[in-house]
């Protein structure tokens, strides 16, 4: 029998998934008061779940103490409105330690990011995620990208672990995903976790993956919600308009510089008067030229909303 907490978690993985940033002060410390305000802003868009301290939240730059503080603050601020899932990552023991700390801080689930740098064979990946899942009672979502590209057989094996509940994909190999779906007989829900996921939304829907992570939700919630509503209702015209005016230019800018998947979000917040502070190295701030380009993209996206009715 599936535990009620895991059942609630899997039920929440069906809509627009929010990935907030981790705000820092100008001196580089975690800014918990700003995090709380940021989360309140994100919640107004009514996402189905909050993913805290993940890729957009700069997990790789957080210490264990900072990670637990950020997760705890998020749990308190969200106050049960939607599930809060915490990012965990690093080597096996580090990821397991983060998993236990996230559970102690009150998280509802975990997103297991790829191990840093090390690339192992399928058997090694399976063992890594088995140990992370065994460290907690929480539901665990696998994240396929970077150093964690799974074989269909490996995913089928991990799908048998009781508290591994979904696969988020940021790799984009449609043939592999179809083979994974076939190997698991669809038992493990698939989430679209591509950078600028809206660009890929319709392609992933063809594989049954309608839920997706939206970085844009953190700084242009109006655009993100309008696109999601159009996607859910089958409004092709609105999707095409927002892809042309906002998401495609944003994706082009994102690919221009490593790390911009996060830096663009924080710059966007700053441009909209909701600064969350700087990014931590090795990420870098936008160049002045790119910042101006992002400002124009945001203006175009917001202007496009005036050209289409939003439900």
Protein backbone atom coordinates (compact mmCIF):
# COMPACT_ATOMS: atom_id res chain seq x y z
CA UNK A 1 0.00 0.00 0.00
CA UNK A 2 1.34 3.44 -0.98
CA UNK A 3 1.84 5.67 2.09
CA UNK A 4 -0.56 8.67 2.10
CA UNK A 5 2.32 11.19 2.05
CA UNK A 6 3.79 9.66 -1.10
CA UNK A 7 0.36 9.38 -2.70
CA UNK A 8 -0.24 13.10 -2.08
CA UNK A 9 3.17 13.89 -3.51
CA UNK A 10 2.67 11.95 -6.74
CA UNK A 11 -0.75 13.54 -7.12
CA UNK A 12 0.87 16.98 -7.12
CA UNK A 13 3.21 16.20 -10.02
CA UNK A 14 0.67 16.97 -12.69
CA UNK A 15 0.86 20.67 -13.35
CA UNK A 16 3.12 23.69 -13.31
CA UNK A 17 6.14 23.02 -11.09
CA UNK A 18 7.87 25.99 -9.42
CA UNK A 19 11.65 26.23 -9.02
CA UNK A 20 12.42 29.32 -6.93
CA UNK A 21 15.88 30.80 -6.54
CA UNK A 22 17.88 30.91 -3.33
CA UNK A 23 18.31 34.62 -2.52
CA UNK A 24 21.69 35.84 -1.30
CA UNK A 25 22.74 39.10 0.28
CA UNK A 26 25.20 41.31 -1.57
CA UNK A 27 27.94 39.83 0.61
CA UNK A 28 26.93 36.35 -0.52
CA UNK A 29 25.08 34.98 2.53
CA UNK A 30 21.73 33.19 2.30
CA UNK A 31 18.93 35.73 2.65
CA UNK A 32 16.06 33.89 4.37
CA UNK A 33 13.72 36.91 4.72
CA UNK A 34 13.97 37.51 0.97
CA UNK A 35 13.42 33.79 0.34
CA UNK A 36 10.14 33.96 2.24
CA UNK A 37 8.96 36.94 0.18
CA UNK A 38 10.04 35.25 -3.04
CA UNK A 39 8.10 32.11 -2.14
CA UNK A 40 4.99 34.15 -1.36
CA UNK A 41 5.26 35.71 -4.82
CA UNK A 42 5.70 32.30 -6.46
CA UNK A 43 2.70 30.84 -4.64
CA UNK A 44 0.39 33.48 -6.14
CA UNK A 45 0.84 31.69 -9.48
CA UNK A 46 -0.68 28.54 -7.91
CA UNK A 47 1.97 25.98 -8.88
CA UNK A 48 1.24 22.36 -8.02
CA UNK A 49 4.53 21.95 -6.11
CA UNK A 50 7.55 23.95 -4.97
CA UNK A 51 11.05 22.58 -5.60
CA UNK A 52 13.46 24.32 -3.23
CA UNK A 53 17.28 24.35 -3.34
CA UNK A 54 17.42 22.55 -6.67
CA UNK A 55 19.26 23.62 -9.83
CA UNK A 56 17.67 27.07 -10.04
CA UNK A 57 18.14 27.30 -6.27
CA UNK A 58 21.92 26.77 -6.64
CA UNK A 59 22.06 23.55 -4.62
CA UNK A 60 25.66 22.93 -5.63
CA UNK A 61 26.78 26.13 -3.90
CA UNK A 62 24.97 25.54 -0.59
CA UNK A 63 26.59 24.13 2.52
CA UNK A 64 24.71 21.43 4.44
CA UNK A 65 23.76 23.98 7.11
CA UNK A 66 22.49 26.47 4.51
CA UNK A 67 20.57 23.75 2.70
CA UNK A 68 18.68 22.71 5.83
CA UNK A 69 17.94 26.35 6.71
CA UNK A 70 16.61 27.07 3.22
CA UNK A 71 14.44 23.94 3.18
CA UNK A 72 13.10 24.65 6.67
CA UNK A 73 12.24 28.25 5.80
CA UNK A 74 10.46 27.11 2.64
CA UNK A 75 8.42 24.52 4.52
CA UNK A 76 7.37 27.15 7.09
CA UNK A 77 6.52 29.75 4.46
CA UNK A 78 4.56 27.43 2.17
CA UNK A 79 2.73 26.06 5.22
CA UNK A 80 1.24 23.06 3.47
CA UNK A 81 -0.34 24.99 0.59
CA UNK A 82 1.49 22.69 -1.86
CA UNK A 83 4.15 20.00 -1.41
CA UNK A 84 7.72 21.25 -0.92
CA UNK A 85 10.42 19.10 -2.51
CA UNK A 86 14.08 19.65 -1.70
CA UNK A 87 17.04 19.17 -4.00
CA UNK A 88 19.73 16.71 -2.94
CA UNK A 89 22.93 15.89 -4.76
CA UNK A 90 26.63 15.18 -4.69
CA UNK A 91 28.29 11.87 -3.90
CA UNK A 92 26.17 9.09 -2.45
CA UNK A 93 26.87 9.80 1.21
CA UNK A 94 26.51 13.54 0.74
CA UNK A 95 23.21 13.15 -1.08
CA UNK A 96 21.94 10.76 1.61
CA UNK A 97 22.95 13.24 4.31
CA UNK A 98 21.09 16.04 2.54
CA UNK A 99 18.07 13.73 2.15
CA UNK A 100 17.91 13.01 5.87
CA UNK A 101 18.33 16.71 6.70
CA UNK A 102 15.57 17.69 4.25
CA UNK A 103 13.21 15.18 5.85
CA UNK A 104 14.07 16.54 9.30
CA UNK A 105 13.34 20.06 8.02
CA UNK A 106 9.85 18.99 6.96
CA UNK A 107 10.20 18.52 3.19
CA UNK A 108 7.48 16.50 1.46
CA UNK A 109 9.77 14.94 -1.15
CA UNK A 110 13.15 15.06 -2.84
CA UNK A 111 14.60 15.77 -6.26
CA UNK A 112 17.81 13.76 -6.57
CA UNK A 113 20.16 15.74 -8.80
CA UNK A 114 23.01 13.95 -10.62
CA UNK A 115 26.22 13.12 -8.76
CA UNK A 116 28.81 15.83 -9.35
CA UNK A 117 31.57 15.11 -11.92
CA UNK A 118 31.75 11.34 -11.47
CA UNK A 119 30.23 9.27 -14.24
CA UNK A 120 29.43 5.67 -13.38
CA UNK A 121 27.96 2.70 -15.25
CA UNK A 122 24.25 1.90 -15.00
CA UNK A 123 24.84 -0.45 -12.06
CA UNK A 124 26.65 2.32 -10.18
CA UNK A 125 23.84 4.81 -10.81
CA UNK A 126 21.27 2.30 -9.62
CA UNK A 127 23.20 1.73 -6.40
CA UNK A 128 23.64 5.47 -5.84
CA UNK A 129 19.92 6.20 -6.09
CA UNK A 130 18.99 3.11 -4.09
CA UNK A 131 21.12 4.40 -1.22
CA UNK A 132 19.70 7.92 -1.46
CA UNK A 133 16.15 6.55 -1.42
CA UNK A 134 16.97 4.25 1.50
CA UNK A 135 18.14 7.24 3.56
CA UNK A 136 14.63 8.69 3.77
CA UNK A 137 10.93 7.87 3.92
CA UNK A 138 10.20 10.67 1.44
CA UNK A 139 9.29 10.20 -2.18
CA UNK A 140 12.32 10.63 -4.45
CA UNK A 141 12.30 11.95 -8.02
CA UNK A 142 15.21 10.92 -10.22
CA UNK A 143 16.70 13.68 -12.39
CA UNK A 144 18.17 12.59 -15.69
CA UNK A 145 20.77 14.99 -17.07
CA UNK A 146 24.51 15.61 -17.05
CA UNK A 147 26.29 12.77 -15.29
CA UNK A 148 23.11 10.76 -14.72
CA UNK A 149 21.82 9.34 -18.01
CA UNK A 150 19.93 6.13 -17.31
CA UNK A 151 19.51 3.01 -19.38
CA UNK A 152 15.91 1.79 -19.69
CA UNK A 153 16.83 -1.29 -17.65
CA UNK A 154 18.28 0.88 -14.86
CA UNK A 155 15.10 2.97 -14.65
CA UNK A 156 12.98 -0.19 -14.63
CA UNK A 157 15.04 -1.46 -11.70
CA UNK A 158 14.75 1.81 -9.79
CA UNK A 159 11.02 1.98 -10.47
CA UNK A 160 10.68 -1.04 -8.18
CA UNK A 161 11.99 1.00 -5.21
CA UNK A 162 8.90 1.92 -3.19
CA UNK A 163 9.75 5.58 -2.61
CA UNK A 164 11.16 6.43 -6.05
CA UNK A 165 8.12 8.13 -7.52
CA UNK A 166 9.01 9.87 -10.82
CA UNK A 167 11.69 10.65 -13.40
CA UNK A 168 12.43 14.25 -14.31
CA UNK A 169 14.21 14.53 -17.64
CA UNK A 170 16.57 17.35 -18.58
CA UNK A 171 18.41 15.36 -21.26
CA UNK A 172 15.94 15.53 -24.13
CA UNK A 173 16.55 12.23 -25.89
CA UNK A 174 13.02 11.32 -27.00
CA UNK A 175 13.96 7.87 -28.22
CA UNK A 176 15.54 7.04 -24.86
CA UNK A 177 12.48 8.32 -23.01
CA UNK A 178 10.18 6.19 -25.12
CA UNK A 179 12.32 3.15 -24.40
CA UNK A 180 12.25 3.99 -20.68
CA UNK A 181 8.46 4.27 -20.78
CA UNK A 182 8.28 0.91 -22.51
CA UNK A 183 10.68 -0.73 -20.04
CA UNK A 184 8.73 0.56 -17.04
CA UNK A 185 5.29 0.07 -18.62
CA UNK A 186 4.66 3.70 -17.67
CA UNK A 187 4.89 2.95 -13.94
CA UNK A 188 7.23 5.90 -13.28
CA UNK A 189 5.67 9.27 -14.19
CA UNK A 190 7.81 11.42 -16.49
CA UNK A 191 8.34 15.15 -15.87
CA UNK A 192 9.65 17.63 -18.42
CA UNK A 193 12.72 19.17 -16.79
CA UNK A 194 14.41 20.71 -19.79
CA UNK A 195 15.94 24.19 -19.51
CA UNK A 196 13.21 26.57 -20.72
CA UNK A 197 10.84 23.63 -20.49
CA UNK A 198 7.98 25.46 -22.21
CA UNK A 199 9.87 25.17 -25.52
CA UNK A 200 9.66 21.38 -25.18
CA UNK A 201 6.19 21.14 -23.60
CA UNK A 202 4.33 19.80 -26.62
CA UNK A 203 7.04 17.28 -27.47
CA UNK A 204 7.00 15.85 -23.94
CA UNK A 205 3.20 15.78 -23.90
CA UNK A 206 3.44 13.24 -26.71
CA UNK A 207 5.17 10.94 -24.23
CA UNK A 208 2.52 11.54 -21.59
CA UNK A 209 4.58 14.13 -19.67
CA UNK A 210 2.41 17.20 -19.25
CA UNK A 211 3.91 18.49 -16.00
CA UNK A 212 7.00 20.64 -16.38
CA UNK A 213 9.38 22.79 -14.38
CA UNK A 214 9.20 26.49 -15.14
CA UNK A 215 12.12 28.76 -14.30
CA UNK A 216 10.17 31.62 -15.88
CA UNK A 217 7.56 31.25 -13.14
CA UNK A 218 10.10 32.73 -10.69
CA UNK A 219 10.39 36.10 -12.47
CA UNK A 220 7.57 36.41 -15.03
CA UNK A 221 4.72 34.44 -13.45
CA UNK A 222 2.16 36.18 -15.66
CA UNK A 223 3.80 34.79 -18.80
CA UNK A 224 4.40 31.35 -17.30
CA UNK A 225 0.80 30.96 -16.16
CA UNK A 226 -0.60 32.23 -19.47
CA UNK A 227 1.50 29.71 -21.39
CA UNK A 228 0.52 26.85 -19.09
CA UNK A 229 -3.18 27.68 -19.38
CA UNK A 230 -2.85 27.78 -23.16
CA UNK A 231 -0.97 24.47 -23.11
CA UNK A 232 -3.63 22.80 -20.95
CA UNK A 233 -6.53 24.13 -23.03
CA UNK A 234 -4.92 23.38 -26.39
CA UNK A 235 -4.75 27.06 -27.37
CA UNK A 236 -2.09 26.75 -30.07
CA UNK A 237 -2.21 30.41 -31.09
CA UNK A 238 -1.33 31.68 -27.62
CA UNK A 239 1.40 29.09 -27.22
CA UNK A 240 2.95 30.12 -30.54
CA UNK A 241 2.74 33.81 -29.65
CA UNK A 242 4.48 33.36 -26.30
CA UNK A 243 7.07 31.01 -27.76
CA UNK A 244 7.89 33.51 -30.49
CA UNK A 245 7.92 36.64 -28.34
CA UNK A 246 9.38 35.32 -25.10
CA UNK A 247 10.47 31.69 -24.72
CA UNK A 248 12.46 31.22 -27.93
CA UNK A 249 14.48 34.44 -27.43
CA UNK A 250 15.00 33.52 -23.77
CA UNK A 251 16.26 30.07 -24.75
CA UNK A 252 18.65 31.61 -27.29
CA UNK A 253 20.06 33.94 -24.64
CA UNK A 254 20.31 31.10 -22.11
CA UNK A 255 22.45 29.00 -24.43
CA UNK A 256 24.84 31.88 -25.11
CA UNK A 257 26.70 31.48 -21.81
CA UNK A 258 27.19 28.55 -19.39
CA UNK A 259 25.24 29.04 -16.17
CA UNK A 260 22.74 31.48 -17.61
CA UNK A 261 19.86 29.08 -16.84
CA UNK A 262 20.16 30.41 -13.28
CA UNK A 263 21.74 33.83 -13.83
CA UNK A 264 18.90 34.89 -16.15
CA UNK A 265 16.32 34.14 -13.46
CA UNK A 266 18.07 36.25 -10.84
CA UNK A 267 18.67 39.06 -13.31
CA UNK A 268 15.02 38.90 -14.32
CA UNK A 269 13.95 39.25 -10.70
CA UNK A 270 16.23 42.25 -10.33
CA UNK A 271 14.89 43.87 -13.50
CA UNK A 272 11.36 43.51 -12.16
CA UNK A 273 12.20 45.13 -8.82
CA UNK A 274 12.29 41.87 -6.84
CA UNK A 275 16.02 41.35 -6.47
CA UNK A 276 17.21 38.07 -4.94
CA UNK A 277 20.81 39.15 -4.90
CA UNK A 278 23.75 37.79 -6.88
CA UNK A 279 24.52 34.27 -8.04
CA UNK A 280 27.38 32.40 -6.41
CA UNK A 281 30.48 31.42 -8.32
CA UNK A 282 31.20 29.59 -10.52
CA UNK A 283 28.04 31.14 -11.98
CA UNK A 284 28.43 34.72 -13.20
CA UNK A 285 26.19 37.74 -13.57
CA UNK A 286 24.86 38.77 -16.97
CA UNK A 287 26.97 41.10 -19.06
CA UNK A 288 25.44 44.59 -19.50
CA UNK A 289 24.56 43.71 -23.09
CA UNK A 290 22.81 40.50 -22.07
CA UNK A 291 21.00 42.25 -19.24
CA UNK A 292 19.59 44.77 -21.70
CA UNK A 293 18.63 41.92 -24.04
CA UNK A 294 16.83 40.14 -21.20
CA UNK A 295 14.97 43.35 -20.36
CA UNK A 296 13.70 43.54 -23.94
CA UNK A 297 12.65 39.88 -23.88
CA UNK A 298 10.67 40.42 -20.67
CA UNK A 299 8.98 43.49 -22.17
CA UNK A 300 8.07 41.49 -25.28
CA UNK A 301 6.63 38.67 -23.20
CA UNK A 302 4.51 41.00 -21.09
CA UNK A 303 3.35 42.90 -24.16
CA UNK A 304 2.28 39.63 -25.77
CA UNK A 305 -0.12 39.06 -22.89
CA UNK A 306 -2.05 42.15 -23.95
CA UNK A 307 -2.57 40.59 -27.38
CA UNK A 308 -4.24 37.43 -26.07
CA UNK A 309 -7.00 36.77 -23.56
CA UNK A 310 -5.81 35.01 -20.40
CA UNK A 311 -8.34 32.76 -18.61
